[in-house]
Amino acid sequence: MRLKIKGEITPEHLANALAMAVEKLESLVPDGKFYGANLYLVPYDSEGQAFDIFDARRDSLVIVVPAQSGTTVMPALSAQAQQRRVDAREARRQRYLQEAELRRKKNAEINRKRQIKAGQEAKARIAFDALNVLTLQLLTSKPTDLIDGLNEAVKASWQILKPKEPHGPRKGEPKSVPVFSIEDGKLRLITPAWKNPRWLLNPIGSLRQTRITPIWTYSAWVIAVDGFLTVMGNLNGSLPEEILDGYLLRPDLPNEP
């Protein structure tokens, strides 16, 4: 409880303020009493200028009014009050421990997921690098067979699914067939939707965090990607084990118009 006194502080004014405080306390706690108080007094000179009074050490002067002889400085806690204090302290400690345990579990789960993701990203990188190496090997050793096989896989998927443009001015018209080619020993893909051809490290897709994502995710292209893997496996004799480790993103295949 704080007591704010306005105006000049005189013994009478101070006594009235204390009486008001006691009256308020008794209305709330009939057997309550005040013990101890810090009263900050601000002195002013005759010109209305506030100043401070210092002791010999140049600190703000503190006048301690001792308790009257034989009176209680502060009442002792009852056994019940002491127990309530102990119980409250223990409750706070238990809440702190519970919150700390929740934070520990949360941080542990975050670290676990980070470790899992880091491991998946590392394995996806290995699979991606293996695809790139295999593509380069086939471009060097069997370039014609590779390009023909990739284009045949695209044509086969287009013939079966007959994909159409879902948006834009050509909505509902057949999608143009993308075409692979080789130039300067590098894999190239062209489609009428692009102004310039795209150079690819492999025909399967690009690395995105924990997955190798196809260039397009519509049904006809995703099915064609499966054909690309078959072509590359047949030409190489088999696919490297790293590539078969489940890191190719296979989107749901929606019904296309």
Protein backbone atom coordinates (compact mmCIF):
# COMPACT_ATOMS: atom_id res chain seq x y z
CA MET A 1 0.00 0.00 0.00
CA ARG A 2 1.29 3.44 -0.89
CA LEU A 3 0.35 6.73 0.73
CA LYS A 4 0.56 9.89 -1.37
CA ILE A 5 0.23 13.14 0.50
CA LYS A 6 -0.33 16.39 -1.40
CA GLY A 7 0.45 19.83 -0.09
CA GLU A 8 2.68 20.95 2.74
CA ILE A 9 3.71 18.13 5.05
CA THR A 10 2.89 19.18 8.62
CA PRO A 11 2.59 16.93 11.68
CA GLU A 12 -1.20 17.39 11.61
CA HIS A 13 -1.45 16.70 7.87
CA LEU A 14 0.78 13.64 8.22
CA ALA A 15 -1.28 12.35 11.16
CA ASN A 16 -4.51 12.76 9.15
CA ALA A 17 -2.99 10.88 6.23
CA LEU A 18 -1.93 8.02 8.51
CA ALA A 19 -5.40 7.91 10.07
CA MET A 20 -6.93 7.58 6.59
CA ALA A 21 -4.56 4.72 5.79
CA VAL A 22 -5.38 2.92 9.07
CA GLU A 23 -9.10 3.37 8.46
CA LYS A 24 -8.75 1.85 4.98
CA LEU A 25 -6.71 -1.06 6.29
CA GLU A 26 -9.19 -1.85 9.06
CA SER A 27 -12.05 -1.82 6.55
CA LEU A 28 -10.27 -4.48 4.55
CA VAL A 29 -8.52 -6.46 7.30
CA PRO A 30 -10.05 -5.68 10.69
CA ASP A 31 -7.08 -7.02 12.65
CA GLY A 32 -4.46 -5.69 10.24
CA LYS A 33 -1.70 -3.34 11.35
CA PHE A 34 1.04 -1.34 9.66
CA TYR A 35 4.66 -2.15 10.53
CA GLY A 36 7.44 -0.06 9.07
CA ALA A 37 7.27 2.65 6.42
CA ASN A 38 9.51 4.51 3.98
CA LEU A 39 8.53 8.14 3.82
CA TYR A 40 10.19 10.23 1.14
CA LEU A 41 10.12 13.95 2.01
CA VAL A 42 10.97 16.59 -0.59
CA PRO A 43 12.13 19.88 0.99
CA TYR A 44 11.70 23.24 -0.75
CA ASP A 45 13.39 26.52 0.04
CA SER A 46 11.64 29.87 0.36
CA GLU A 47 12.03 30.46 -3.37
CA GLY A 48 10.17 27.26 -4.28
CA GLN A 49 13.29 25.36 -5.30
CA ALA A 50 13.43 21.66 -4.36
CA PHE A 51 16.65 20.47 -2.78
CA ASP A 52 18.02 17.51 -0.88
CA ILE A 53 19.59 17.08 2.55
CA PHE A 54 22.79 15.07 2.73
CA ASP A 55 24.61 13.27 5.49
CA ALA A 56 28.36 13.41 6.23
CA ARG A 57 29.04 10.96 3.35
CA ARG A 58 27.10 13.14 0.88
CA ASP A 59 24.33 10.57 0.64
CA SER A 60 20.69 11.53 0.97
CA LEU A 61 19.99 11.81 4.65
CA VAL A 62 18.09 8.90 6.16
CA ILE A 63 16.51 9.33 9.57
CA VAL A 64 15.62 6.03 11.21
CA VAL A 65 12.87 6.16 13.78
CA PRO A 66 13.36 3.18 16.12
CA ALA A 67 10.48 1.16 17.49
CA GLN A 68 9.38 2.05 20.97
CA SER A 69 10.95 -0.04 23.66
CA GLY A 70 9.05 -3.23 24.30
CA THR A 71 7.06 -3.09 21.05
CA THR A 72 7.19 -5.49 18.12
CA VAL A 73 9.23 -4.37 15.13
CA MET A 74 7.49 -6.85 12.86
CA PRO A 75 4.98 -9.57 13.78
CA ALA A 76 6.15 -13.18 13.55
CA LEU A 77 4.51 -15.42 10.99
CA SER A 78 2.03 -17.91 12.33
CA ALA A 79 2.62 -21.58 11.61
CA GLN A 80 -0.19 -21.50 9.06
CA ALA A 81 1.23 -18.42 7.32
CA GLN A 82 4.70 -19.93 7.32
CA GLN A 83 3.32 -23.11 5.74
CA ARG A 84 1.47 -21.09 3.11
CA ARG A 85 4.71 -19.28 2.29
CA VAL A 86 6.55 -22.60 1.99
CA ASP A 87 3.76 -24.04 -0.16
CA ALA A 88 3.74 -20.98 -2.41
CA ARG A 89 7.52 -21.15 -2.81
CA GLU A 90 7.32 -24.85 -3.65
CA ALA A 91 4.49 -24.21 -6.14
CA ARG A 92 6.62 -21.57 -7.86
CA ARG A 93 9.57 -23.98 -7.95
CA GLN A 94 7.43 -26.73 -9.45
CA ARG A 95 6.06 -24.35 -12.11
CA TYR A 96 9.59 -23.29 -12.96
CA LEU A 97 10.71 -26.93 -13.25
CA GLN A 98 7.71 -27.81 -15.40
CA GLU A 99 8.30 -24.83 -17.69
CA ALA A 100 12.00 -25.66 -17.89
CA GLU A 101 11.17 -29.26 -18.80
CA LEU A 102 8.74 -28.10 -21.49
CA ARG A 103 11.42 -25.82 -22.92
CA ARG A 104 13.95 -28.65 -22.82
CA LYS A 105 11.58 -31.01 -24.64
CA LYS A 106 10.68 -28.35 -27.19
CA ASN A 107 14.34 -27.57 -27.89
CA ALA A 108 15.15 -31.28 -28.04
CA GLU A 109 12.37 -31.82 -30.59
CA ILE A 110 13.57 -28.85 -32.65
CA ASN A 111 17.12 -30.22 -32.61
CA ARG A 112 15.88 -33.70 -33.49
CA LYS A 113 13.96 -32.40 -36.50
CA ARG A 114 16.94 -30.30 -37.56
CA GLN A 115 19.20 -33.34 -37.39
CA ILE A 116 16.73 -35.43 -39.37
CA LYS A 117 16.38 -32.69 -41.98
CA ALA A 118 20.15 -32.24 -42.17
CA GLY A 119 20.55 -35.98 -42.73
CA GLN A 120 17.84 -36.01 -45.39
CA GLU A 121 19.37 -33.00 -47.11
CA ALA A 122 22.78 -34.71 -47.13
CA LYS A 123 21.34 -37.90 -48.62
CA ALA A 124 19.32 -35.92 -51.16
CA ARG A 125 22.52 -34.12 -52.17
CA ILE A 126 24.25 -37.48 -52.62
CA ALA A 127 21.35 -38.72 -54.79
CA PHE A 128 21.38 -35.49 -56.81
CA ASP A 129 25.13 -35.68 -57.36
CA ALA A 130 24.79 -39.35 -58.40
CA LEU A 131 22.14 -38.37 -60.96
CA ASN A 132 24.38 -35.65 -62.34
CA VAL A 133 27.36 -37.99 -62.60
CA LEU A 134 25.28 -40.70 -64.31
CA THR A 135 23.82 -38.18 -66.74
CA LEU A 136 27.28 -36.91 -67.65
CA GLN A 137 28.54 -40.46 -68.11
CA LEU A 138 25.67 -41.33 -70.45
CA LEU A 139 26.03 -38.07 -72.37
CA THR A 140 29.65 -39.04 -72.94
CA SER A 141 29.27 -42.76 -73.63
CA LYS A 142 25.76 -43.09 -75.14
CA PRO A 143 24.56 -39.61 -76.07
CA THR A 144 22.23 -40.61 -78.92
CA ASP A 145 20.63 -43.46 -77.00
CA LEU A 146 20.10 -41.21 -73.98
CA ILE A 147 18.47 -38.36 -75.90
CA ASP A 148 16.29 -40.72 -77.96
CA GLY A 149 15.22 -42.59 -74.84
CA LEU A 150 14.32 -39.41 -72.96
CA ASN A 151 12.28 -38.02 -75.85
CA GLU A 152 10.51 -41.36 -76.34
CA ALA A 153 9.54 -41.35 -72.64
CA VAL A 154 8.06 -37.85 -73.03
CA LYS A 155 6.13 -38.80 -76.18
CA ALA A 156 4.79 -41.99 -74.58
CA SER A 157 3.48 -40.08 -71.56
CA TRP A 158 1.92 -37.38 -73.77
CA GLN A 159 0.20 -40.00 -75.94
CA ILE A 160 -1.32 -41.72 -72.92
CA LEU A 161 -2.33 -38.70 -70.80
CA LYS A 162 -2.80 -36.06 -73.51
CA PRO A 163 -2.06 -33.13 -71.15
CA LYS A 164 -3.74 -29.80 -71.83
CA GLU A 165 -2.97 -26.23 -70.86
CA PRO A 166 -4.85 -25.45 -67.62
CA HIS A 167 -4.57 -21.66 -67.75
CA GLY A 168 -3.96 -18.67 -69.99
CA PRO A 169 -4.96 -17.93 -73.57
CA ARG A 170 -4.21 -21.54 -74.60
CA LYS A 171 -6.37 -23.05 -71.86
CA GLY A 172 -7.75 -26.40 -72.96
CA GLU A 173 -5.31 -26.78 -75.85
CA PRO A 174 -2.81 -29.68 -75.90
CA LYS A 175 0.44 -28.98 -74.08
CA SER A 176 3.46 -28.74 -76.36
CA VAL A 177 5.84 -31.69 -76.13
CA PRO A 178 9.18 -30.73 -74.47
CA VAL A 179 12.21 -31.94 -76.42
CA PHE A 180 15.62 -32.99 -75.13
CA SER A 181 18.78 -32.49 -77.13
CA ILE A 182 22.53 -32.42 -76.60
CA GLU A 183 24.84 -29.54 -77.39
CA ASP A 184 28.53 -29.27 -76.54
CA GLY A 185 28.16 -32.43 -74.50
CA LYS A 186 25.48 -30.92 -72.28
CA LEU A 187 21.82 -31.82 -71.81
CA ARG A 188 19.35 -29.28 -73.14
CA LEU A 189 15.55 -29.04 -72.84
CA ILE A 190 13.34 -26.83 -74.98
CA THR A 191 9.62 -26.12 -75.02
CA PRO A 192 7.67 -23.44 -76.90
CA ALA A 193 6.71 -21.89 -73.56
CA TRP A 194 10.35 -20.83 -73.04
CA LYS A 195 12.14 -18.14 -75.01
CA ASN A 196 15.46 -19.92 -74.52
CA PRO A 197 16.40 -23.56 -73.93
CA ARG A 198 17.29 -24.71 -70.44
CA TRP A 199 20.54 -26.49 -69.68
CA LEU A 200 20.13 -29.35 -67.23
CA LEU A 201 22.53 -31.29 -65.02
CA ASN A 202 20.15 -34.24 -65.25
CA PRO A 203 16.70 -34.90 -66.73
CA ILE A 204 15.09 -35.79 -63.40
CA GLY A 205 14.98 -32.51 -61.49
CA SER A 206 16.71 -29.99 -59.24
CA LEU A 207 17.68 -30.25 -55.60
CA ARG A 208 15.34 -28.54 -53.15
CA GLN A 209 16.29 -29.16 -49.54
CA THR A 210 15.41 -32.83 -48.88
CA ARG A 211 13.98 -33.75 -52.30
CA ILE A 212 14.82 -33.78 -55.97
CA THR A 213 11.97 -31.90 -57.59
CA PRO A 214 10.93 -32.34 -61.26
CA ILE A 215 10.87 -29.28 -63.50
CA TRP A 216 7.09 -29.61 -63.76
CA THR A 217 4.73 -31.39 -61.40
CA TYR A 218 1.79 -32.10 -63.69
CA SER A 219 0.94 -35.76 -64.31
CA ALA A 220 2.32 -36.23 -67.79
CA TRP A 221 5.77 -34.90 -66.87
CA VAL A 222 5.97 -36.81 -63.57
CA ILE A 223 5.13 -40.04 -65.44
CA ALA A 224 7.77 -39.13 -68.02
CA VAL A 225 10.33 -38.70 -65.21
CA ASP A 226 9.73 -42.32 -64.21
CA GLY A 227 10.47 -43.20 -67.84
CA PHE A 228 13.70 -41.17 -67.70
CA LEU A 229 14.88 -43.24 -64.74
CA THR A 230 14.07 -46.43 -66.62
CA VAL A 231 15.99 -45.25 -69.67
CA MET A 232 19.04 -44.25 -67.62
CA GLY A 233 18.96 -47.51 -65.68
CA ASN A 234 18.77 -49.59 -68.84
CA LEU A 235 21.62 -47.72 -70.52
CA ASN A 236 23.81 -47.94 -67.42
CA GLY A 237 22.85 -51.51 -66.54
CA SER A 238 21.27 -50.27 -63.29
CA LEU A 239 20.68 -47.11 -61.31
CA PRO A 240 23.10 -46.20 -58.53
CA GLU A 241 21.72 -47.17 -55.14
CA GLU A 242 21.81 -43.55 -53.96
CA ILE A 243 19.28 -42.59 -56.63
CA LEU A 244 16.85 -45.27 -55.50
CA ASP A 245 16.78 -44.04 -51.92
CA GLY A 246 13.40 -42.30 -52.09
CA TYR A 247 14.58 -38.72 -52.55
CA LEU A 248 12.69 -38.00 -55.77
CA LEU A 249 9.65 -35.85 -54.99
CA ARG A 250 6.58 -37.50 -56.51
CA PRO A 251 3.64 -35.08 -56.33
CA ASP A 252 0.07 -36.30 -56.29
CA LEU A 253 -1.13 -36.85 -59.82
CA PRO A 254 -4.31 -34.77 -60.28
CA ASN A 255 -6.83 -35.39 -63.02
CA GLU A 256 -5.95 -33.09 -65.89
CA PRO A 257 -8.34 -31.55 -68.43
